[in-house]
Amino acid sequence: MSYQSYLRNIEVNTGKSPADFRALAEEKGFTHNGQLAAGVKAGDIVLWLKEDFQMGHGHAMAIHALLKGTKSEDSA
């Protein structure tokens, strides 16, 4: 599955866009000025997304990659 497919499926299943997840992560203190906050681990993001959005591990890791900056909405 391509990264774009992950993002589309996440939006279909949650009603949230990548921009929405960026804003929510900022509100929760996982990011600051668009960058992962110091000390925030992948497991912290994954747990949040699994609990609040019932995401699977792969989809949660896709959002983590988005928040970390290793992937973007334009990534293949």
PDB file of N, CA and C in Angstrom:
ATOM      1  N   MET A   1       0.851  -1.174   0.000  1.00  0.00           N
ATOM      2  CA  MET A   1       0.000   0.000   0.000  1.00  0.00           C
ATOM      3  C   MET A   1       0.897   1.238   0.000  1.00  0.00           C
ATOM      4  N   SER A   2       0.586   2.177  -0.847  1.00  0.00           N
ATOM      5  CA  SER A   2       1.375   3.405  -0.911  1.00  0.00           C
ATOM      6  C   SER A   2       1.057   4.318   0.274  1.00  0.00           C
ATOM      7  N   TYR A   3       1.965   5.236   0.519  1.00  0.00           N
ATOM      8  CA  TYR A   3       1.757   6.184   1.604  1.00  0.00           C
ATOM      9  C   TYR A   3       0.484   7.000   1.366  1.00  0.00           C
ATOM     10  N   GLN A   4       0.238   7.374   0.113  1.00  0.00           N
ATOM     11  CA  GLN A   4      -0.971   8.133  -0.218  1.00  0.00           C
ATOM     12  C   GLN A   4      -2.224   7.325   0.098  1.00  0.00           C
ATOM     13  N   SER A   5      -2.176   6.022  -0.138  1.00  0.00           N
ATOM     14  CA  SER A   5      -3.306   5.155   0.185  1.00  0.00           C
ATOM     15  C   SER A   5      -3.557   5.125   1.683  1.00  0.00           C
ATOM     16  N   TYR A   6      -2.481   5.069   2.461  1.00  0.00           N
ATOM     17  CA  TYR A   6      -2.635   5.128   3.914  1.00  0.00           C
ATOM     18  C   TYR A   6      -3.357   6.417   4.312  1.00  0.00           C
ATOM     19  N   LEU A   7      -2.893   7.539   3.798  1.00  0.00           N
ATOM     20  CA  LEU A   7      -3.509   8.817   4.168  1.00  0.00           C
ATOM     21  C   LEU A   7      -4.969   8.888   3.743  1.00  0.00           C
ATOM     22  N   ARG A   8      -5.278   8.393   2.547  1.00  0.00           N
ATOM     23  CA  ARG A   8      -6.684   8.399   2.097  1.00  0.00           C
ATOM     24  C   ARG A   8      -7.549   7.528   2.992  1.00  0.00           C
ATOM     25  N   ASN A   9      -7.059   6.345   3.318  1.00  0.00           N
ATOM     26  CA  ASN A   9      -7.825   5.449   4.189  1.00  0.00           C
ATOM     27  C   ASN A   9      -8.017   6.042   5.580  1.00  0.00           C
ATOM     28  N   ILE A  10      -6.995   6.683   6.088  1.00  0.00           N
ATOM     29  CA  ILE A  10      -7.100   7.325   7.403  1.00  0.00           C
ATOM     30  C   ILE A  10      -8.184   8.400   7.365  1.00  0.00           C
ATOM     31  N   GLU A  11      -8.191   9.213   6.320  1.00  0.00           N
ATOM     32  CA  GLU A  11      -9.190  10.282   6.227  1.00  0.00           C
ATOM     33  C   GLU A  11     -10.594   9.711   6.084  1.00  0.00           C
ATOM     34  N   VAL A  12     -10.752   8.665   5.295  1.00  0.00           N
ATOM     35  CA  VAL A  12     -12.067   8.025   5.128  1.00  0.00           C
ATOM     36  C   VAL A  12     -12.553   7.467   6.469  1.00  0.00           C
ATOM     37  N   ASN A  13     -11.656   6.811   7.196  1.00  0.00           N
ATOM     38  CA  ASN A  13     -12.043   6.140   8.441  1.00  0.00           C
ATOM     39  C   ASN A  13     -12.210   7.077   9.626  1.00  0.00           C
ATOM     40  N   THR A  14     -11.498   8.192   9.637  1.00  0.00           N
ATOM     41  CA  THR A  14     -11.545   9.083  10.804  1.00  0.00           C
ATOM     42  C   THR A  14     -12.237  10.410  10.522  1.00  0.00           C
ATOM     43  N   GLY A  15     -12.340  10.776   9.245  1.00  0.00           N
ATOM     44  CA  GLY A  15     -12.861  12.096   8.901  1.00  0.00           C
ATOM     45  C   GLY A  15     -11.845  13.201   9.115  1.00  0.00           C
ATOM     46  N   LYS A  16     -10.589  12.827   9.383  1.00  0.00           N
ATOM     47  CA  LYS A  16      -9.536  13.809   9.665  1.00  0.00           C
ATOM     48  C   LYS A  16      -8.491  13.790   8.553  1.00  0.00           C
ATOM     49  N   SER A  17      -8.099  14.980   8.115  1.00  0.00           N
ATOM     50  CA  SER A  17      -7.069  15.125   7.085  1.00  0.00           C
ATOM     51  C   SER A  17      -5.693  15.159   7.756  1.00  0.00           C
ATOM     52  N   PRO A  18      -4.628  15.061   6.968  1.00  0.00           N
ATOM     53  CA  PRO A  18      -3.293  15.226   7.544  1.00  0.00           C
ATOM     54  C   PRO A  18      -3.150  16.552   8.308  1.00  0.00           C
ATOM     55  N   ALA A  19      -3.712  17.616   7.766  1.00  0.00           N
ATOM     56  CA  ALA A  19      -3.651  18.913   8.457  1.00  0.00           C
ATOM     57  C   ALA A  19      -4.375  18.851   9.801  1.00  0.00           C
ATOM     58  N   ASP A  20      -5.492  18.121   9.848  1.00  0.00           N
ATOM     59  CA  ASP A  20      -6.209  17.962  11.116  1.00  0.00           C
ATOM     60  C   ASP A  20      -5.342  17.252  12.147  1.00  0.00           C
ATOM     61  N   PHE A  21      -4.640  16.190  11.713  1.00  0.00           N
ATOM     62  CA  PHE A  21      -3.780  15.468  12.659  1.00  0.00           C
ATOM     63  C   PHE A  21      -2.608  16.324  13.113  1.00  0.00           C
ATOM     64  N   ARG A  22      -2.098  17.164  12.233  1.00  0.00           N
ATOM     65  CA  ARG A  22      -1.034  18.082  12.653  1.00  0.00           C
ATOM     66  C   ARG A  22      -1.552  19.026  13.738  1.00  0.00           C
ATOM     67  N   ALA A  23      -2.745  19.566  13.535  1.00  0.00           N
ATOM     68  CA  ALA A  23      -3.322  20.490  14.517  1.00  0.00           C
ATOM     69  C   ALA A  23      -3.620  19.776  15.831  1.00  0.00           C
ATOM     70  N   LEU A  24      -4.173  18.576  15.762  1.00  0.00           N
ATOM     71  CA  LEU A  24      -4.478  17.817  16.979  1.00  0.00           C
ATOM     72  C   LEU A  24      -3.202  17.469  17.743  1.00  0.00           C
ATOM     73  N   ALA A  25      -2.152  17.093  17.030  1.00  0.00           N
ATOM     74  CA  ALA A  25      -0.886  16.763  17.684  1.00  0.00           C
ATOM     75  C   ALA A  25      -0.306  17.984  18.384  1.00  0.00           C
ATOM     76  N   GLU A  26      -0.458  19.135  17.765  1.00  0.00           N
ATOM     77  CA  GLU A  26       0.018  20.391  18.375  1.00  0.00           C
ATOM     78  C   GLU A  26      -0.769  20.672  19.656  1.00  0.00           C
ATOM     79  N   GLU A  27      -2.097  20.513  19.584  1.00  0.00           N
ATOM     80  CA  GLU A  27      -2.956  20.747  20.764  1.00  0.00           C
ATOM     81  C   GLU A  27      -2.600  19.813  21.911  1.00  0.00           C
ATOM     82  N   LYS A  28      -2.259  18.577  21.590  1.00  0.00           N
ATOM     83  CA  LYS A  28      -1.933  17.590  22.613  1.00  0.00           C
ATOM     84  C   LYS A  28      -0.507  17.726  23.126  1.00  0.00           C
ATOM     85  N   GLY A  29       0.286  18.584  22.503  1.00  0.00           N
ATOM     86  CA  GLY A  29       1.654  18.793  22.944  1.00  0.00           C
ATOM     87  C   GLY A  29       2.662  17.819  22.360  1.00  0.00           C
ATOM     88  N   PHE A  30       2.231  17.017  21.378  1.00  0.00           N
ATOM     89  CA  PHE A  30       3.159  16.092  20.725  1.00  0.00           C
ATOM     90  C   PHE A  30       4.093  16.822  19.767  1.00  0.00           C
ATOM     91  N   THR A  31       3.634  17.946  19.246  1.00  0.00           N
ATOM     92  CA  THR A  31       4.462  18.749  18.357  1.00  0.00           C
ATOM     93  C   THR A  31       4.476  20.185  18.857  1.00  0.00           C
ATOM     94  N   HIS A  32       5.488  20.905  18.402  1.00  0.00           N
ATOM     95  CA  HIS A  32       5.606  22.326  18.718  1.00  0.00           C
ATOM     96  C   HIS A  32       6.130  23.013  17.463  1.00  0.00           C
ATOM     97  N   ASN A  33       5.356  23.973  16.965  1.00  0.00           N
ATOM     98  CA  ASN A  33       5.707  24.668  15.720  1.00  0.00           C
ATOM     99  C   ASN A  33       5.960  23.695  14.569  1.00  0.00           C
ATOM    100  N   GLY A  34       5.133  22.637  14.513  1.00  0.00           N
ATOM    101  CA  GLY A  34       5.211  21.691  13.413  1.00  0.00           C
ATOM    102  C   GLY A  34       6.306  20.644  13.520  1.00  0.00           C
ATOM    103  N   GLN A  35       7.031  20.619  14.621  1.00  0.00           N
ATOM    104  CA  GLN A  35       8.097  19.637  14.836  1.00  0.00           C
ATOM    105  C   GLN A  35       7.752  18.780  16.050  1.00  0.00           C
ATOM    106  N   LEU A  36       8.165  17.502  16.017  1.00  0.00           N
ATOM    107  CA  LEU A  36       7.936  16.665  17.191  1.00  0.00           C
ATOM    108  C   LEU A  36       8.584  17.317  18.403  1.00  0.00           C
ATOM    109  N   ALA A  37       7.857  17.342  19.497  1.00  0.00           N
ATOM    110  CA  ALA A  37       8.379  17.910  20.736  1.00  0.00           C
ATOM    111  C   ALA A  37       9.453  16.987  21.302  1.00  0.00           C
ATOM    112  N   ALA A  38      10.364  17.552  22.033  1.00  0.00           N
ATOM    113  CA  ALA A  38      11.436  16.780  22.659  1.00  0.00           C
ATOM    114  C   ALA A  38      10.843  15.682  23.535  1.00  0.00           C
ATOM    115  N   GLY A  39      11.396  14.498  23.397  1.00  0.00           N
ATOM    116  CA  GLY A  39      10.971  13.379  24.235  1.00  0.00           C
ATOM    117  C   GLY A  39       9.768  12.606  23.734  1.00  0.00           C
ATOM    118  N   VAL A  40       9.104  13.081  22.687  1.00  0.00           N
ATOM    119  CA  VAL A  40       7.940  12.372  22.159  1.00  0.00           C
ATOM    120  C   VAL A  40       8.433  11.210  21.303  1.00  0.00           C
ATOM    121  N   LYS A  41       7.981  10.024  21.637  1.00  0.00           N
ATOM    122  CA  LYS A  41       8.386   8.809  20.940  1.00  0.00           C
ATOM    123  C   LYS A  41       7.263   8.340  20.007  1.00  0.00           C
ATOM    124  N   ALA A  42       7.632   7.513  19.069  1.00  0.00           N
ATOM    125  CA  ALA A  42       6.642   6.939  18.147  1.00  0.00           C
ATOM    126  C   ALA A  42       5.534   6.243  18.923  1.00  0.00           C
ATOM    127  N   GLY A  43       5.901   5.526  19.982  1.00  0.00           N
ATOM    128  CA  GLY A  43       4.905   4.812  20.784  1.00  0.00           C
ATOM    129  C   GLY A  43       3.864   5.729  21.396  1.00  0.00           C
ATOM    130  N   ASP A  44       4.249   6.952  21.750  1.00  0.00           N
ATOM    131  CA  ASP A  44       3.301   7.922  22.308  1.00  0.00           C
ATOM    132  C   ASP A  44       2.247   8.290  21.273  1.00  0.00           C
ATOM    133  N   ILE A  45       2.704   8.522  20.046  1.00  0.00           N
ATOM    134  CA  ILE A  45       1.793   8.894  18.954  1.00  0.00           C
ATOM    135  C   ILE A  45       0.899   7.712  18.605  1.00  0.00           C
ATOM    136  N   VAL A  46       1.489   6.532  18.498  1.00  0.00           N
ATOM    137  CA  VAL A  46       0.735   5.329  18.136  1.00  0.00           C
ATOM    138  C   VAL A  46      -0.355   5.049  19.176  1.00  0.00           C
ATOM    139  N   LEU A  47      -0.014   5.122  20.439  1.00  0.00           N
ATOM    140  CA  LEU A  47      -0.998   4.870  21.497  1.00  0.00           C
ATOM    141  C   LEU A  47      -2.158   5.854  21.409  1.00  0.00           C
ATOM    142  N   TRP A  48      -1.861   7.128  21.225  1.00  0.00           N
ATOM    143  CA  TRP A  48      -2.894   8.158  21.081  1.00  0.00           C
ATOM    144  C   TRP A  48      -3.828   7.828  19.912  1.00  0.00           C
ATOM    145  N   LEU A  49      -3.254   7.513  18.767  1.00  0.00           N
ATOM    146  CA  LEU A  49      -4.065   7.272  17.575  1.00  0.00           C
ATOM    147  C   LEU A  49      -4.869   5.985  17.686  1.00  0.00           C
ATOM    148  N   LYS A  50      -4.308   4.975  18.318  1.00  0.00           N
ATOM    149  CA  LYS A  50      -5.050   3.725  18.526  1.00  0.00           C
ATOM    150  C   LYS A  50      -6.214   3.946  19.484  1.00  0.00           C
ATOM    151  N   GLU A  51      -5.970   4.669  20.563  1.00  0.00           N
ATOM    152  CA  GLU A  51      -7.015   4.896  21.566  1.00  0.00           C
ATOM    153  C   GLU A  51      -8.097   5.849  21.075  1.00  0.00           C
ATOM    154  N   ASP A  52      -7.705   6.952  20.473  1.00  0.00           N
ATOM    155  CA  ASP A  52      -8.675   7.984  20.095  1.00  0.00           C
ATOM    156  C   ASP A  52      -9.321   7.762  18.730  1.00  0.00           C
ATOM    157  N   PHE A  53      -8.628   7.061  17.837  1.00  0.00           N
ATOM    158  CA  PHE A  53      -9.132   6.917  16.468  1.00  0.00           C
ATOM    159  C   PHE A  53      -9.205   5.467  16.005  1.00  0.00           C
ATOM    160  N   GLN A  54      -8.928   4.523  16.894  1.00  0.00           N
ATOM    161  CA  GLN A  54      -8.987   3.102  16.600  1.00  0.00           C
ATOM    162  C   GLN A  54      -8.166   2.725  15.356  1.00  0.00           C
ATOM    163  N   MET A  55      -7.037   3.396  15.179  1.00  0.00           N
ATOM    164  CA  MET A  55      -6.152   3.098  14.053  1.00  0.00           C
ATOM    165  C   MET A  55      -5.357   1.843  14.335  1.00  0.00           C
ATOM    166  N   GLY A  56      -5.011   1.146  13.257  1.00  0.00           N
ATOM    167  CA  GLY A  56      -4.060   0.057  13.353  1.00  0.00           C
ATOM    168  C   GLY A  56      -2.653   0.616  13.440  1.00  0.00           C
ATOM    169  N   HIS A  57      -1.711  -0.271  13.713  1.00  0.00           N
ATOM    170  CA  HIS A  57      -0.329   0.168  13.911  1.00  0.00           C
ATOM    171  C   HIS A  57       0.248   0.830  12.657  1.00  0.00           C
ATOM    172  N   GLY A  58       0.031   0.240  11.488  1.00  0.00           N
ATOM    173  CA  GLY A  58       0.585   0.792  10.253  1.00  0.00           C
ATOM    174  C   GLY A  58       0.061   2.175   9.937  1.00  0.00           C
ATOM    175  N   HIS A  59      -1.240   2.380  10.124  1.00  0.00           N
ATOM    176  CA  HIS A  59      -1.825   3.693   9.859  1.00  0.00           C
ATOM    177  C   HIS A  59      -1.329   4.724  10.871  1.00  0.00           C
ATOM    178  N   ALA A  60      -1.196   4.299  12.130  1.00  0.00           N
ATOM    179  CA  ALA A  60      -0.680   5.207  13.159  1.00  0.00           C
ATOM    180  C   ALA A  60       0.767   5.592  12.853  1.00  0.00           C
ATOM    181  N   MET A  61       1.558   4.645  12.377  1.00  0.00           N
ATOM    182  CA  MET A  61       2.944   4.953  12.025  1.00  0.00           C
ATOM    183  C   MET A  61       3.013   5.890  10.821  1.00  0.00           C
ATOM    184  N   ALA A  62       2.038   5.814   9.928  1.00  0.00           N
ATOM    185  CA  ALA A  62       1.989   6.747   8.794  1.00  0.00           C
ATOM    186  C   ALA A  62       1.781   8.171   9.296  1.00  0.00           C
ATOM    187  N   ILE A  63       0.919   8.339  10.278  1.00  0.00           N
ATOM    188  CA  ILE A  63       0.715   9.674  10.851  1.00  0.00           C
ATOM    189  C   ILE A  63       1.962  10.105  11.616  1.00  0.00           C
ATOM    190  N   HIS A  64       2.601   9.194  12.322  1.00  0.00           N
ATOM    191  CA  HIS A  64       3.850   9.534  13.010  1.00  0.00           C
ATOM    192  C   HIS A  64       4.879  10.044  12.007  1.00  0.00           C
ATOM    193  N   ALA A  65       5.016   9.365  10.868  1.00  0.00           N
ATOM    194  CA  ALA A  65       5.970   9.798   9.837  1.00  0.00           C
ATOM    195  C   ALA A  65       5.624  11.196   9.329  1.00  0.00           C
ATOM    196  N   LEU A  66       4.345  11.477   9.208  1.00  0.00           N
ATOM    197  CA  LEU A  66       3.892  12.805   8.787  1.00  0.00           C
ATOM    198  C   LEU A  66       4.300  13.848   9.829  1.00  0.00           C
ATOM    199  N   LEU A  67       4.049  13.550  11.099  1.00  0.00           N
ATOM    200  CA  LEU A  67       4.362  14.493  12.175  1.00  0.00           C
ATOM    201  C   LEU A  67       5.872  14.664  12.357  1.00  0.00           C
ATOM    202  N   LYS A  68       6.611  13.600  12.138  1.00  0.00           N
ATOM    203  CA  LYS A  68       8.068  13.645  12.283  1.00  0.00           C
ATOM    204  C   LYS A  68       8.729  14.388  11.119  1.00  0.00           C
ATOM    205  N   GLY A  69       8.020  14.398   9.978  1.00  0.00           N
ATOM    206  CA  GLY A  69       8.558  15.089   8.815  1.00  0.00           C
ATOM    207  C   GLY A  69       9.290  14.197   7.846  1.00  0.00           C
ATOM    208  N   THR A  70       9.284  12.885   8.093  1.00  0.00           N
ATOM    209  CA  THR A  70       9.944  11.973   7.162  1.00  0.00           C
ATOM    210  C   THR A  70       9.077  11.688   5.953  1.00  0.00           C
ATOM    211  N   LYS A  71       7.786  11.956   6.049  1.00  0.00           N
ATOM    212  CA  LYS A  71       6.844  11.836   4.936  1.00  0.00           C
ATOM    213  C   LYS A  71       5.970  13.085   4.907  1.00  0.00           C
ATOM    214  N   SER A  72       5.406  13.353   3.731  1.00  0.00           N
ATOM    215  CA  SER A  72       4.477  14.471   3.597  1.00  0.00           C
ATOM    216  C   SER A  72       3.271  13.995   2.785  1.00  0.00           C
ATOM    217  N   GLU A  73       2.302  14.857   2.646  1.00  0.00           N
ATOM    218  CA  GLU A  73       1.125  14.511   1.845  1.00  0.00           C
ATOM    219  C   GLU A  73       1.485  14.175   0.418  1.00  0.00           C
ATOM    220  N   ASP A  74       2.627  14.645  -0.051  1.00  0.00           N
ATOM    221  CA  ASP A  74       3.061  14.412  -1.433  1.00  0.00           C
ATOM    222  C   ASP A  74       3.972  13.197  -1.581  1.00  0.00           C
ATOM    223  N   SER A  75       4.304  12.525  -0.477  1.00  0.00           N
ATOM    224  CA  SER A  75       5.199  11.376  -0.551  1.00  0.00           C
ATOM    225  C   SER A  75       4.536  10.215  -1.269  1.00  0.00           C
ATOM    226  N   ALA A  76       5.352   9.454  -1.951  1.00  0.00           N
ATOM    227  CA  ALA A  76       4.841   8.284  -2.681  1.00  0.00           C
ATOM    228  C   ALA A  76       4.696   7.101  -1.749  1.00  0.00           C
TER     229      ALA A  76
END
